[in-house]
Amino acid sequence: MNKKLLAALVLLCLLGFGLSTVAADPDLNSDTETVDIENFAFSPNVVEVLEGTTVTWTNLDVDNHTVTADDGAFDSGLLAQGESFSYTFDTLGTFPYHCTPHTSMTGDAEVTELSDWLPGEEETPGFGLLVGLLSLSVVAIALRPRD
């Protein structure tokens, strides 16, 4: 086999394995997010949302809880078990909140623009893996011993 062709195939193989794709976050198109209140904690503790997203907290505990912004921007009042409170975040920034009766219960809402927001970004093998495997197969076939 031509050495230049073999070198090109090996290079294509290596390049293919180096390529990756970014997995799309399924919540990018969502304008709502949920936070559970259970076991005397907000779950998730930090909720990352886009500007304009409505966050809904639901109390799953037997005890009453509140969702109260540290800066006073929102306050759910006491939520009994099964009750919910929603707030729409129209301003960029980080908004710490707490439960008034249980001050150890704290959380944050991090509000960003779409251009700044890449939550859960992870590189996953995609097209590059396919190119690499196909190129490797071609190289293996080209280098196999012939009768």
N, C-alpha and C. Protein backbone atom coordinates (compact mmCIF):
# COMPACT_ATOMS: atom_id res chain seq x y z
N MET A 1 0.85 -1.18 0.00
CA MET A 1 0.00 0.00 0.00
C MET A 1 0.89 1.24 0.00
N ASN A 2 0.44 2.26 -0.64
CA ASN A 2 1.15 3.53 -0.71
C ASN A 2 1.35 4.07 0.70
N LYS A 3 2.60 4.44 1.05
CA LYS A 3 2.91 4.92 2.39
C LYS A 3 2.19 6.23 2.70
N LYS A 4 2.01 7.10 1.71
CA LYS A 4 1.30 8.37 1.94
C LYS A 4 -0.17 8.10 2.27
N LEU A 5 -0.77 7.16 1.56
CA LEU A 5 -2.18 6.82 1.81
C LEU A 5 -2.32 6.21 3.20
N LEU A 6 -1.40 5.34 3.57
CA LEU A 6 -1.43 4.73 4.89
C LEU A 6 -1.27 5.80 5.98
N ALA A 7 -0.35 6.74 5.79
CA ALA A 7 -0.15 7.81 6.76
C ALA A 7 -1.40 8.68 6.87
N ALA A 8 -2.05 8.95 5.75
CA ALA A 8 -3.28 9.76 5.75
C ALA A 8 -4.39 9.04 6.50
N LEU A 9 -4.51 7.72 6.31
CA LEU A 9 -5.54 6.96 7.01
C LEU A 9 -5.28 6.93 8.52
N VAL A 10 -4.03 6.77 8.91
CA VAL A 10 -3.70 6.78 10.34
C VAL A 10 -4.00 8.15 10.94
N LEU A 11 -3.65 9.21 10.22
CA LEU A 11 -3.93 10.57 10.69
C LEU A 11 -5.44 10.81 10.82
N LEU A 12 -6.20 10.36 9.84
CA LEU A 12 -7.66 10.48 9.89
C LEU A 12 -8.22 9.72 11.08
N CYS A 13 -7.66 8.56 11.33
CA CYS A 13 -8.07 7.75 12.47
C CYS A 13 -7.84 8.50 13.78
N LEU A 14 -6.64 9.05 13.96
CA LEU A 14 -6.32 9.79 15.18
C LEU A 14 -7.18 11.04 15.31
N LEU A 15 -7.38 11.75 14.20
CA LEU A 15 -8.22 12.94 14.22
C LEU A 15 -9.66 12.59 14.60
N GLY A 16 -10.14 11.51 14.04
CA GLY A 16 -11.51 11.08 14.34
C GLY A 16 -11.73 10.79 15.80
N PHE A 17 -10.75 10.10 16.42
CA PHE A 17 -10.89 9.80 17.85
C PHE A 17 -10.81 11.06 18.70
N GLY A 18 -10.17 12.11 18.18
CA GLY A 18 -10.06 13.35 18.93
C GLY A 18 -11.30 14.22 18.86
N LEU A 19 -12.14 13.99 17.87
CA LEU A 19 -13.37 14.78 17.75
C LEU A 19 -14.39 14.35 18.79
N SER A 20 -15.18 15.29 19.21
CA SER A 20 -16.27 14.97 20.14
C SER A 20 -17.41 15.93 19.89
N THR A 21 -18.55 15.61 20.44
CA THR A 21 -19.70 16.48 20.35
C THR A 21 -20.12 16.85 21.75
N VAL A 22 -20.80 17.98 21.88
CA VAL A 22 -21.30 18.40 23.18
C VAL A 22 -22.74 17.94 23.29
N ALA A 23 -23.02 17.23 24.36
CA ALA A 23 -24.38 16.73 24.57
C ALA A 23 -25.29 17.89 24.89
N ALA A 24 -26.42 17.95 24.22
CA ALA A 24 -27.40 19.01 24.48
C ALA A 24 -28.10 18.75 25.79
N ASP A 25 -28.29 19.80 26.55
CA ASP A 25 -29.01 19.69 27.82
C ASP A 25 -30.50 19.74 27.51
N PRO A 26 -31.27 18.75 27.92
CA PRO A 26 -32.68 18.73 27.57
C PRO A 26 -33.47 19.88 28.17
N ASP A 27 -32.94 20.54 29.22
CA ASP A 27 -33.67 21.62 29.86
C ASP A 27 -33.48 22.97 29.17
N LEU A 28 -32.67 23.04 28.11
CA LEU A 28 -32.45 24.31 27.45
C LEU A 28 -33.75 24.90 26.92
N ASN A 29 -34.68 24.08 26.51
CA ASN A 29 -35.93 24.57 25.96
C ASN A 29 -37.03 24.68 27.00
N SER A 30 -36.72 24.37 28.22
CA SER A 30 -37.72 24.40 29.28
C SER A 30 -37.76 25.77 29.92
N ASP A 31 -38.96 26.24 30.25
CA ASP A 31 -39.08 27.52 30.94
C ASP A 31 -39.54 27.30 32.38
N THR A 32 -39.40 26.05 32.86
CA THR A 32 -39.73 25.74 34.25
C THR A 32 -38.65 24.84 34.84
N GLU A 33 -38.52 24.91 36.14
CA GLU A 33 -37.57 24.06 36.86
C GLU A 33 -38.21 23.75 38.21
N THR A 34 -37.91 22.58 38.75
CA THR A 34 -38.51 22.19 40.03
C THR A 34 -37.44 21.96 41.09
N VAL A 35 -37.81 22.27 42.32
CA VAL A 35 -36.96 22.02 43.47
C VAL A 35 -37.82 21.34 44.52
N ASP A 36 -37.38 20.21 45.02
CA ASP A 36 -38.10 19.51 46.09
C ASP A 36 -37.59 19.99 47.44
N ILE A 37 -38.50 20.09 48.39
CA ILE A 37 -38.13 20.36 49.77
C ILE A 37 -38.40 19.07 50.53
N GLU A 38 -37.33 18.40 50.92
CA GLU A 38 -37.49 17.14 51.65
C GLU A 38 -36.28 16.89 52.53
N ASN A 39 -36.54 16.21 53.63
CA ASN A 39 -35.48 15.91 54.60
C ASN A 39 -34.76 17.19 55.06
N PHE A 40 -35.54 18.24 55.21
CA PHE A 40 -35.02 19.53 55.67
C PHE A 40 -33.90 20.05 54.77
N ALA A 41 -34.11 19.93 53.46
CA ALA A 41 -33.14 20.43 52.48
C ALA A 41 -33.86 20.76 51.17
N PHE A 42 -33.26 21.68 50.41
CA PHE A 42 -33.72 21.98 49.05
C PHE A 42 -32.94 21.08 48.10
N SER A 43 -33.66 20.42 47.20
CA SER A 43 -33.02 19.50 46.28
C SER A 43 -33.51 19.75 44.85
N PRO A 44 -32.63 20.24 43.97
CA PRO A 44 -31.20 20.46 44.18
C PRO A 44 -30.96 21.70 45.04
N ASN A 45 -29.79 21.73 45.65
CA ASN A 45 -29.42 22.85 46.51
C ASN A 45 -29.16 24.12 45.68
N VAL A 46 -28.59 23.95 44.50
CA VAL A 46 -28.36 25.05 43.57
C VAL A 46 -29.11 24.73 42.30
N VAL A 47 -30.00 25.63 41.89
CA VAL A 47 -30.75 25.44 40.66
C VAL A 47 -30.24 26.46 39.64
N GLU A 48 -29.78 25.95 38.49
CA GLU A 48 -29.25 26.81 37.42
C GLU A 48 -30.33 26.95 36.37
N VAL A 49 -30.72 28.21 36.10
CA VAL A 49 -31.81 28.46 35.15
C VAL A 49 -31.47 29.61 34.23
N LEU A 50 -32.18 29.66 33.13
CA LEU A 50 -32.09 30.78 32.20
C LEU A 50 -32.99 31.91 32.67
N GLU A 51 -32.64 33.12 32.30
CA GLU A 51 -33.46 34.28 32.60
C GLU A 51 -34.87 34.03 32.06
N GLY A 52 -35.88 34.31 32.89
CA GLY A 52 -37.27 34.11 32.49
C GLY A 52 -37.85 32.76 32.90
N THR A 53 -37.05 31.92 33.54
CA THR A 53 -37.50 30.60 33.97
C THR A 53 -38.28 30.70 35.27
N THR A 54 -39.34 29.91 35.36
CA THR A 54 -40.12 29.82 36.59
C THR A 54 -39.65 28.61 37.37
N VAL A 55 -39.29 28.82 38.62
CA VAL A 55 -38.89 27.73 39.51
C VAL A 55 -40.04 27.45 40.46
N THR A 56 -40.36 26.17 40.62
CA THR A 56 -41.42 25.75 41.53
C THR A 56 -40.83 24.86 42.61
N TRP A 57 -41.02 25.26 43.85
CA TRP A 57 -40.58 24.49 45.02
C TRP A 57 -41.80 23.76 45.56
N THR A 58 -41.65 22.48 45.89
CA THR A 58 -42.74 21.69 46.45
C THR A 58 -42.27 21.08 47.76
N ASN A 59 -43.06 21.29 48.81
CA ASN A 59 -42.72 20.76 50.13
C ASN A 59 -43.17 19.31 50.24
N LEU A 60 -42.22 18.41 50.36
CA LEU A 60 -42.51 16.99 50.51
C LEU A 60 -42.37 16.53 51.96
N ASP A 61 -41.94 17.44 52.83
CA ASP A 61 -41.79 17.13 54.26
C ASP A 61 -43.12 17.28 54.99
N VAL A 62 -43.21 16.63 56.15
CA VAL A 62 -44.39 16.79 57.02
C VAL A 62 -44.38 18.18 57.66
N ASP A 63 -43.19 18.69 57.97
CA ASP A 63 -43.06 20.01 58.59
C ASP A 63 -43.30 21.11 57.56
N ASN A 64 -43.76 22.26 58.04
CA ASN A 64 -43.93 23.44 57.19
C ASN A 64 -42.58 24.08 56.91
N HIS A 65 -42.44 24.62 55.70
CA HIS A 65 -41.21 25.30 55.29
C HIS A 65 -41.57 26.55 54.51
N THR A 66 -40.58 27.43 54.34
CA THR A 66 -40.74 28.58 53.46
C THR A 66 -39.64 28.57 52.42
N VAL A 67 -39.86 29.33 51.36
CA VAL A 67 -38.83 29.63 50.37
C VAL A 67 -38.74 31.15 50.38
N THR A 68 -37.70 31.66 51.03
CA THR A 68 -37.59 33.09 51.26
C THR A 68 -36.26 33.61 50.72
N ALA A 69 -36.33 34.56 49.80
CA ALA A 69 -35.11 35.15 49.23
C ALA A 69 -34.38 35.92 50.31
N ASP A 70 -33.07 35.78 50.35
CA ASP A 70 -32.27 36.50 51.33
C ASP A 70 -32.43 38.01 51.19
N ASP A 71 -32.67 38.50 49.94
CA ASP A 71 -32.82 39.93 49.71
C ASP A 71 -34.29 40.39 49.77
N GLY A 72 -35.20 39.47 50.13
CA GLY A 72 -36.61 39.81 50.25
C GLY A 72 -37.38 39.86 48.94
N ALA A 73 -36.77 39.46 47.82
CA ALA A 73 -37.43 39.52 46.51
C ALA A 73 -38.65 38.60 46.43
N PHE A 74 -38.65 37.50 47.14
CA PHE A 74 -39.79 36.59 47.15
C PHE A 74 -39.88 35.88 48.49
N ASP A 75 -41.11 35.48 48.83
CA ASP A 75 -41.36 34.75 50.08
C ASP A 75 -42.62 33.92 49.89
N SER A 76 -42.50 32.65 50.07
CA SER A 76 -43.63 31.75 49.85
C SER A 76 -44.64 31.78 50.98
N GLY A 77 -44.23 32.25 52.15
CA GLY A 77 -45.04 32.01 53.34
C GLY A 77 -44.89 30.54 53.70
N LEU A 78 -45.55 30.11 54.77
CA LEU A 78 -45.43 28.71 55.18
C LEU A 78 -46.10 27.78 54.17
N LEU A 79 -45.36 26.77 53.76
CA LEU A 79 -45.88 25.75 52.85
C LEU A 79 -46.08 24.46 53.63
N ALA A 80 -47.29 23.96 53.64
CA ALA A 80 -47.58 22.67 54.27
C ALA A 80 -47.16 21.55 53.31
N GLN A 81 -47.15 20.33 53.82
CA GLN A 81 -46.78 19.19 52.99
C GLN A 81 -47.66 19.15 51.74
N GLY A 82 -47.03 19.00 50.58
CA GLY A 82 -47.74 18.91 49.31
C GLY A 82 -47.99 20.26 48.65
N GLU A 83 -47.78 21.36 49.35
CA GLU A 83 -48.00 22.67 48.75
C GLU A 83 -46.77 23.12 47.97
N SER A 84 -47.01 23.99 46.98
CA SER A 84 -45.94 24.49 46.12
C SER A 84 -45.94 26.01 46.07
N PHE A 85 -44.80 26.54 45.68
CA PHE A 85 -44.62 27.97 45.47
C PHE A 85 -43.78 28.15 44.21
N SER A 86 -44.17 29.10 43.36
CA SER A 86 -43.43 29.36 42.12
C SER A 86 -42.99 30.81 42.06
N TYR A 87 -41.82 31.01 41.44
CA TYR A 87 -41.30 32.35 41.24
C TYR A 87 -40.56 32.37 39.90
N THR A 88 -40.79 33.44 39.11
CA THR A 88 -40.12 33.59 37.82
C THR A 88 -38.93 34.52 37.98
N PHE A 89 -37.77 34.05 37.56
CA PHE A 89 -36.53 34.82 37.67
C PHE A 89 -36.30 35.59 36.37
N ASP A 90 -36.56 36.91 36.44
CA ASP A 90 -36.41 37.78 35.27
C ASP A 90 -35.14 38.62 35.30
N THR A 91 -34.31 38.41 36.31
CA THR A 91 -33.09 39.19 36.48
C THR A 91 -31.90 38.24 36.57
N LEU A 92 -30.82 38.62 35.93
CA LEU A 92 -29.60 37.80 35.99
C LEU A 92 -28.94 37.92 37.35
N GLY A 93 -28.29 36.86 37.78
CA GLY A 93 -27.56 36.89 39.03
C GLY A 93 -27.74 35.63 39.84
N THR A 94 -27.18 35.65 41.04
CA THR A 94 -27.33 34.54 41.97
C THR A 94 -28.23 35.00 43.09
N PHE A 95 -29.26 34.21 43.37
CA PHE A 95 -30.26 34.57 44.37
C PHE A 95 -30.29 33.52 45.48
N PRO A 96 -29.61 33.81 46.59
CA PRO A 96 -29.66 32.89 47.72
C PRO A 96 -31.03 32.96 48.40
N TYR A 97 -31.48 31.81 48.89
CA TYR A 97 -32.75 31.76 49.62
C TYR A 97 -32.62 30.79 50.78
N HIS A 98 -33.62 30.81 51.65
CA HIS A 98 -33.57 29.99 52.87
C HIS A 98 -34.99 29.66 53.31
N CYS A 99 -35.06 28.80 54.30
CA CYS A 99 -36.32 28.50 54.99
C CYS A 99 -36.29 29.28 56.30
N THR A 100 -37.30 30.14 56.49
CA THR A 100 -37.31 31.00 57.68
C THR A 100 -37.34 30.21 58.99
N PRO A 101 -38.20 29.19 59.15
CA PRO A 101 -38.19 28.46 60.42
C PRO A 101 -36.96 27.57 60.62
N HIS A 102 -36.29 27.21 59.52
CA HIS A 102 -35.15 26.28 59.60
C HIS A 102 -33.98 26.93 58.88
N THR A 103 -33.25 27.79 59.56
CA THR A 103 -32.23 28.62 58.93
C THR A 103 -31.06 27.83 58.33
N SER A 104 -30.91 26.58 58.70
CA SER A 104 -29.84 25.78 58.10
C SER A 104 -30.21 25.33 56.68
N MET A 105 -31.47 25.48 56.32
CA MET A 105 -31.92 25.12 54.97
C MET A 105 -31.67 26.31 54.05
N THR A 106 -30.72 26.16 53.15
CA THR A 106 -30.39 27.24 52.22
C THR A 106 -30.26 26.69 50.81
N GLY A 107 -30.39 27.58 49.85
CA GLY A 107 -30.22 27.21 48.45
C GLY A 107 -29.89 28.44 47.63
N ASP A 108 -29.57 28.23 46.38
CA ASP A 108 -29.26 29.32 45.45
C ASP A 108 -29.94 29.07 44.12
N ALA A 109 -30.43 30.15 43.53
CA ALA A 109 -30.89 30.12 42.14
C ALA A 109 -29.89 30.94 41.35
N GLU A 110 -29.25 30.30 40.38
CA GLU A 110 -28.28 30.98 39.52
C GLU A 110 -28.94 31.22 38.18
N VAL A 111 -29.13 32.50 37.84
CA VAL A 111 -29.87 32.89 36.64
C VAL A 111 -28.90 33.51 35.64
N THR A 112 -28.85 32.95 34.43
CA THR A 112 -27.93 33.42 33.41
C THR A 112 -28.65 33.55 32.08
N GLU A 113 -27.96 34.17 31.12
CA GLU A 113 -28.45 34.27 29.75
C GLU A 113 -28.08 32.99 29.00
N LEU A 114 -28.78 32.72 27.93
CA LEU A 114 -28.50 31.52 27.14
C LEU A 114 -27.06 31.51 26.65
N SER A 115 -26.53 32.65 26.24
CA SER A 115 -25.17 32.69 25.71
C SER A 115 -24.13 32.34 26.77
N ASP A 116 -24.48 32.51 28.05
CA ASP A 116 -23.54 32.20 29.13
C ASP A 116 -23.81 30.85 29.77
N TRP A 117 -24.85 30.18 29.38
CA TRP A 117 -25.33 29.02 30.11
C TRP A 117 -24.99 27.72 29.42
N LEU A 118 -24.18 26.92 30.05
CA LEU A 118 -23.87 25.59 29.53
C LEU A 118 -23.91 24.60 30.68
N PRO A 119 -25.08 24.48 31.41
CA PRO A 119 -25.13 23.54 32.51
C PRO A 119 -25.06 22.12 32.02
N GLY A 120 -24.42 21.29 32.78
CA GLY A 120 -24.36 19.88 32.44
C GLY A 120 -23.60 19.61 31.17
N GLU A 121 -22.76 20.57 30.73
CA GLU A 121 -22.03 20.35 29.50
C GLU A 121 -21.08 19.18 29.69
N GLU A 122 -21.15 18.28 28.76
CA GLU A 122 -20.23 17.16 28.81
C GLU A 122 -19.90 16.73 27.40
N GLU A 123 -18.65 16.39 27.21
CA GLU A 123 -18.24 15.92 25.90
C GLU A 123 -18.54 14.44 25.80
N THR A 124 -19.13 14.07 24.69
CA THR A 124 -19.46 12.67 24.47
C THR A 124 -18.93 12.25 23.11
N PRO A 125 -18.54 11.02 22.99
CA PRO A 125 -18.10 10.56 21.68
C PRO A 125 -19.27 10.59 20.72
N GLY A 126 -19.04 11.05 19.54
CA GLY A 126 -20.11 11.11 18.55
C GLY A 126 -19.56 10.77 17.19
N PHE A 127 -19.66 11.72 16.30
CA PHE A 127 -19.19 11.53 14.94
C PHE A 127 -17.72 11.18 14.90
N GLY A 128 -16.93 11.82 15.77
CA GLY A 128 -15.49 11.56 15.80
C GLY A 128 -15.16 10.10 16.08
N LEU A 129 -15.91 9.49 17.01
CA LEU A 129 -15.69 8.08 17.31
C LEU A 129 -15.98 7.22 16.10
N LEU A 130 -17.06 7.54 15.39
CA LEU A 130 -17.41 6.79 14.19
C LEU A 130 -16.32 6.91 13.13
N VAL A 131 -15.84 8.13 12.89
CA VAL A 131 -14.78 8.34 11.90
C VAL A 131 -13.52 7.58 12.31
N GLY A 132 -13.17 7.67 13.60
CA GLY A 132 -11.98 6.97 14.08
C GLY A 132 -12.07 5.47 13.90
N LEU A 133 -13.21 4.89 14.26
CA LEU A 133 -13.37 3.44 14.13
C LEU A 133 -13.37 2.99 12.68
N LEU A 134 -14.04 3.74 11.81
CA LEU A 134 -14.04 3.38 10.39
C LEU A 134 -12.64 3.49 9.80
N SER A 135 -11.91 4.56 10.16
CA SER A 135 -10.55 4.72 9.65
C SER A 135 -9.64 3.61 10.15
N LEU A 136 -9.80 3.24 11.42
CA LEU A 136 -9.01 2.17 11.98
C LEU A 136 -9.30 0.85 11.26
N SER A 137 -10.56 0.63 10.92
CA SER A 137 -10.92 -0.59 10.18
C SER A 137 -10.27 -0.62 8.82
N VAL A 138 -10.26 0.52 8.12
CA VAL A 138 -9.65 0.58 6.79
C VAL A 138 -8.15 0.31 6.90
N VAL A 139 -7.50 0.90 7.91
CA VAL A 139 -6.07 0.68 8.11
C VAL A 139 -5.81 -0.79 8.39
N ALA A 140 -6.63 -1.42 9.24
CA ALA A 140 -6.44 -2.84 9.57
C ALA A 140 -6.60 -3.71 8.33
N ILE A 141 -7.58 -3.39 7.52
CA ILE A 141 -7.77 -4.17 6.28
C ILE A 141 -6.58 -3.98 5.35
N ALA A 142 -6.11 -2.73 5.23
CA ALA A 142 -4.99 -2.45 4.33
C ALA A 142 -3.71 -3.14 4.78
N LEU A 143 -3.53 -3.32 6.09
CA LEU A 143 -2.29 -3.88 6.61
C LEU A 143 -2.37 -5.39 6.83
N ARG A 144 -3.51 -6.01 6.57
CA ARG A 144 -3.62 -7.45 6.83
C ARG A 144 -2.70 -8.23 5.90
N PRO A 145 -2.19 -9.33 6.37
CA PRO A 145 -1.31 -10.15 5.53
C PRO A 145 -2.09 -10.74 4.35
N ARG A 146 -1.44 -10.77 3.24
CA ARG A 146 -2.09 -11.32 2.04
C ARG A 146 -1.45 -12.69 1.70
N ASP A 147 -2.26 -13.55 1.15
CA ASP A 147 -1.77 -14.90 0.78
C ASP A 147 -0.97 -14.86 -0.49
